[in-house]
Amino acid sequence: MLKWLALVIVCGIAGFIIYLYTHLGLSQPVEISRGPAGPLLLLFKQHRGPYHEIGPVIREVELWALNKNIPCSKTFGEYLDDPEAIDQDRLRSNGGCVLTVLPNGMAPDGFNVSRVPEKEYVIAKFQGSPAVGPLTVYPAVKKYFAENRLVYPPTVLEIYTVNGSDVVTEYLFLLP
């Protein structure tokens, strides 16, 4: 009886791990290229604290855009500090919407606008949960930078495109 119970538990745990592996996109490849991106018009709010807690900030900007009938088909997180070098509570980031136009060209109170001109980036694309980016995307990109003898930049811009239940994240690492 205990053998059957142990077998059921092991199979349940294995099934759950396989489900998470496929559902989160850990099996998805990371596509890395080099090229131009931009120009971008970013409407955002600043965030300080652990990067995984930026979701409510992004949703707040998204909700504002929705209420003003401003299209926000892509959202973003811009991560300004190295989480391996700075305490979690001191990490700085920006979160919000990638816009095509901002009516009256002015940011509302409490929001910021940034216009990013076209620049040269290392671009990584990943179709899976952005939550697993630190496990899949960042190691692959760091390896790419090392193999190509490039200087790894301190900041990254993650652009999220949601299509139903699919999320495609484009990671932009600025080249010097």
Protein backbone atom coordinates (compact mmCIF):
# COMPACT_ATOMS: atom_id res chain seq x y z
CA MET A 1 0.00 0.00 0.00
CA LEU A 2 2.79 2.46 0.88
CA LYS A 3 4.56 1.65 -2.39
CA TRP A 4 1.44 2.62 -4.35
CA LEU A 5 1.02 5.79 -2.35
CA ALA A 6 4.67 6.73 -2.92
CA LEU A 7 4.30 5.97 -6.65
CA VAL A 8 1.18 8.16 -6.91
CA ILE A 9 2.93 11.02 -5.09
CA VAL A 10 6.04 10.77 -7.28
CA CYS A 11 3.94 10.63 -10.46
CA GLY A 12 1.86 13.61 -9.28
CA ILE A 13 4.96 15.69 -8.59
CA ALA A 14 6.51 14.68 -11.93
CA GLY A 15 3.29 15.58 -13.75
CA PHE A 16 3.15 18.96 -12.02
CA ILE A 17 6.78 19.70 -12.95
CA ILE A 18 6.12 18.76 -16.59
CA TYR A 19 3.02 20.95 -16.60
CA LEU A 20 4.97 23.94 -15.23
CA TYR A 21 7.83 23.30 -17.67
CA THR A 22 5.52 23.49 -20.67
CA HIS A 23 3.02 26.06 -19.33
CA LEU A 24 5.68 28.61 -18.34
CA GLY A 25 7.59 28.13 -21.58
CA LEU A 26 10.82 26.72 -20.17
CA SER A 27 10.98 24.46 -23.23
CA GLN A 28 10.82 27.45 -25.61
CA PRO A 29 13.99 28.58 -27.40
CA VAL A 30 15.57 32.00 -26.90
CA GLU A 31 16.12 33.74 -30.26
CA ILE A 32 19.04 36.18 -30.11
CA SER A 33 19.89 38.67 -32.83
CA ARG A 34 21.57 42.00 -33.26
CA GLY A 35 19.99 45.01 -34.90
CA PRO A 36 18.06 48.26 -34.63
CA ALA A 37 14.99 48.82 -32.48
CA GLY A 38 12.94 51.93 -31.94
CA PRO A 39 11.99 54.65 -31.93
CA LEU A 40 9.82 54.01 -28.86
CA LEU A 41 7.40 56.21 -26.95
CA LEU A 42 7.20 54.99 -23.35
CA LEU A 43 4.61 56.06 -20.79
CA PHE A 44 5.62 54.79 -17.37
CA LYS A 45 5.74 55.04 -13.62
CA GLN A 46 8.88 54.51 -11.61
CA HIS A 47 9.22 51.55 -9.27
CA ARG A 48 11.68 50.82 -6.49
CA GLY A 49 12.01 47.35 -5.03
CA PRO A 50 12.24 43.73 -6.22
CA TYR A 51 11.79 43.45 -9.96
CA HIS A 52 9.17 40.72 -9.68
CA GLU A 53 6.89 43.24 -7.92
CA ILE A 54 6.61 45.64 -10.89
CA GLY A 55 3.40 44.04 -12.23
CA PRO A 56 0.98 46.35 -10.35
CA VAL A 57 2.85 49.43 -11.64
CA ILE A 58 2.52 48.22 -15.24
CA ARG A 59 -1.17 47.42 -14.71
CA GLU A 60 -1.78 50.91 -13.27
CA VAL A 61 -0.37 52.56 -16.41
CA GLU A 62 -2.27 50.10 -18.61
CA LEU A 63 -5.53 50.89 -16.80
CA TRP A 64 -4.96 54.64 -17.16
CA ALA A 65 -4.39 54.20 -20.92
CA LEU A 66 -7.50 52.02 -21.21
CA ASN A 67 -9.63 54.62 -19.39
CA LYS A 68 -8.34 57.35 -21.76
CA ASN A 69 -8.89 55.16 -24.88
CA ILE A 70 -5.17 55.17 -25.62
CA PRO A 71 -4.01 51.92 -27.26
CA CYS A 72 -1.54 49.99 -25.11
CA SER A 73 -1.01 46.75 -27.02
CA LYS A 74 2.51 46.37 -25.64
CA THR A 75 3.68 46.90 -22.09
CA PHE A 76 7.22 47.07 -20.80
CA GLY A 77 9.52 46.83 -17.84
CA GLU A 78 12.82 48.69 -17.90
CA TYR A 79 15.25 47.30 -15.33
CA LEU A 80 17.96 49.79 -14.44
CA ASP A 81 20.14 47.99 -11.88
CA ASP A 82 22.01 44.69 -11.61
CA PRO A 83 20.04 42.53 -9.13
CA GLU A 84 23.23 40.63 -8.29
CA ALA A 85 25.00 43.81 -7.18
CA ILE A 86 22.24 45.82 -5.47
CA ASP A 87 19.91 44.96 -2.60
CA GLN A 88 16.42 43.96 -3.76
CA ASP A 89 14.72 46.86 -1.95
CA ARG A 90 16.96 49.40 -3.77
CA LEU A 91 16.44 48.12 -7.34
CA ARG A 92 15.09 50.76 -9.73
CA SER A 93 12.78 50.06 -12.64
CA ASN A 94 10.18 51.67 -14.87
CA GLY A 95 6.96 50.02 -15.99
CA GLY A 96 4.23 51.03 -18.35
CA CYS A 97 2.99 51.12 -21.94
CA VAL A 98 4.68 51.39 -25.31
CA LEU A 99 2.55 53.95 -27.13
CA THR A 100 2.25 55.06 -30.72
CA VAL A 101 1.02 58.50 -29.73
CA LEU A 102 0.36 60.40 -26.53
CA PRO A 103 -2.57 62.81 -26.82
CA ASN A 104 -1.45 66.40 -26.11
CA GLY A 105 2.10 65.03 -25.77
CA MET A 106 2.06 65.45 -22.00
CA ALA A 107 2.39 62.83 -19.30
CA PRO A 108 -0.36 62.85 -16.68
CA ASP A 109 0.54 63.63 -13.06
CA GLY A 110 2.62 60.87 -11.51
CA PHE A 111 3.63 59.44 -14.89
CA ASN A 112 6.70 59.97 -17.06
CA VAL A 113 7.26 59.91 -20.81
CA SER A 114 10.44 58.82 -22.53
CA ARG A 115 11.18 58.96 -26.24
CA VAL A 116 13.82 56.39 -27.15
CA PRO A 117 15.38 56.97 -30.58
CA GLU A 118 16.29 54.09 -32.85
CA LYS A 119 19.44 52.43 -31.54
CA GLU A 120 21.46 49.25 -31.98
CA TYR A 121 20.62 46.40 -29.58
CA VAL A 122 21.17 42.77 -28.88
CA ILE A 123 17.59 41.54 -29.08
CA ALA A 124 16.36 38.36 -27.44
CA LYS A 125 12.87 37.01 -28.13
CA PHE A 126 11.17 34.50 -25.89
CA GLN A 127 7.68 33.04 -26.07
CA GLY A 128 6.94 32.07 -22.51
CA SER A 129 6.32 33.59 -19.14
CA PRO A 130 8.49 36.65 -18.42
CA ALA A 131 8.86 35.20 -14.91
CA VAL A 132 11.24 32.55 -16.24
CA GLY A 133 13.41 35.06 -18.14
CA PRO A 134 16.05 35.04 -15.38
CA LEU A 135 16.31 31.25 -15.79
CA THR A 136 16.31 31.07 -19.58
CA VAL A 137 16.86 34.37 -21.38
CA TYR A 138 19.46 36.15 -19.27
CA PRO A 139 21.94 33.23 -19.14
CA ALA A 140 21.64 32.79 -22.93
CA VAL A 141 22.17 36.52 -23.55
CA LYS A 142 25.14 36.69 -21.16
CA LYS A 143 26.70 33.77 -23.05
CA TYR A 144 26.06 35.59 -26.36
CA PHE A 145 27.75 38.75 -25.03
CA ALA A 146 30.75 36.75 -23.80
CA GLU A 147 31.12 34.78 -27.05
CA ASN A 148 30.97 37.98 -29.10
CA ARG A 149 33.25 39.91 -26.74
CA LEU A 150 30.63 42.54 -26.04
CA VAL A 151 30.18 44.52 -22.84
CA TYR A 152 27.01 43.42 -21.04
CA PRO A 153 24.91 46.55 -20.35
CA PRO A 154 23.58 47.39 -16.89
CA THR A 155 19.98 47.98 -18.08
CA VAL A 156 17.49 45.99 -20.11
CA LEU A 157 14.16 46.89 -21.64
CA GLU A 158 11.63 44.04 -21.71
CA ILE A 159 8.67 44.59 -24.06
CA TYR A 160 5.68 42.32 -23.46
CA THR A 161 3.15 41.46 -26.18
CA VAL A 162 0.16 39.45 -24.99
CA ASN A 163 -1.93 37.52 -27.53
CA GLY A 164 -4.62 35.65 -25.63
CA SER A 165 -2.75 33.28 -23.35
CA ASP A 166 0.55 33.64 -25.25
CA VAL A 167 3.18 36.15 -24.13
CA VAL A 168 6.10 37.14 -26.33
CA THR A 169 8.81 39.10 -24.58
CA GLU A 170 11.41 41.07 -26.50
CA TYR A 171 14.51 41.90 -24.46
CA LEU A 172 16.54 44.89 -25.65
CA PHE A 173 20.16 45.15 -24.49
CA LEU A 174 21.70 48.43 -25.70
CA LEU A 175 25.03 48.16 -27.51
CA PRO A 176 27.68 50.83 -26.90
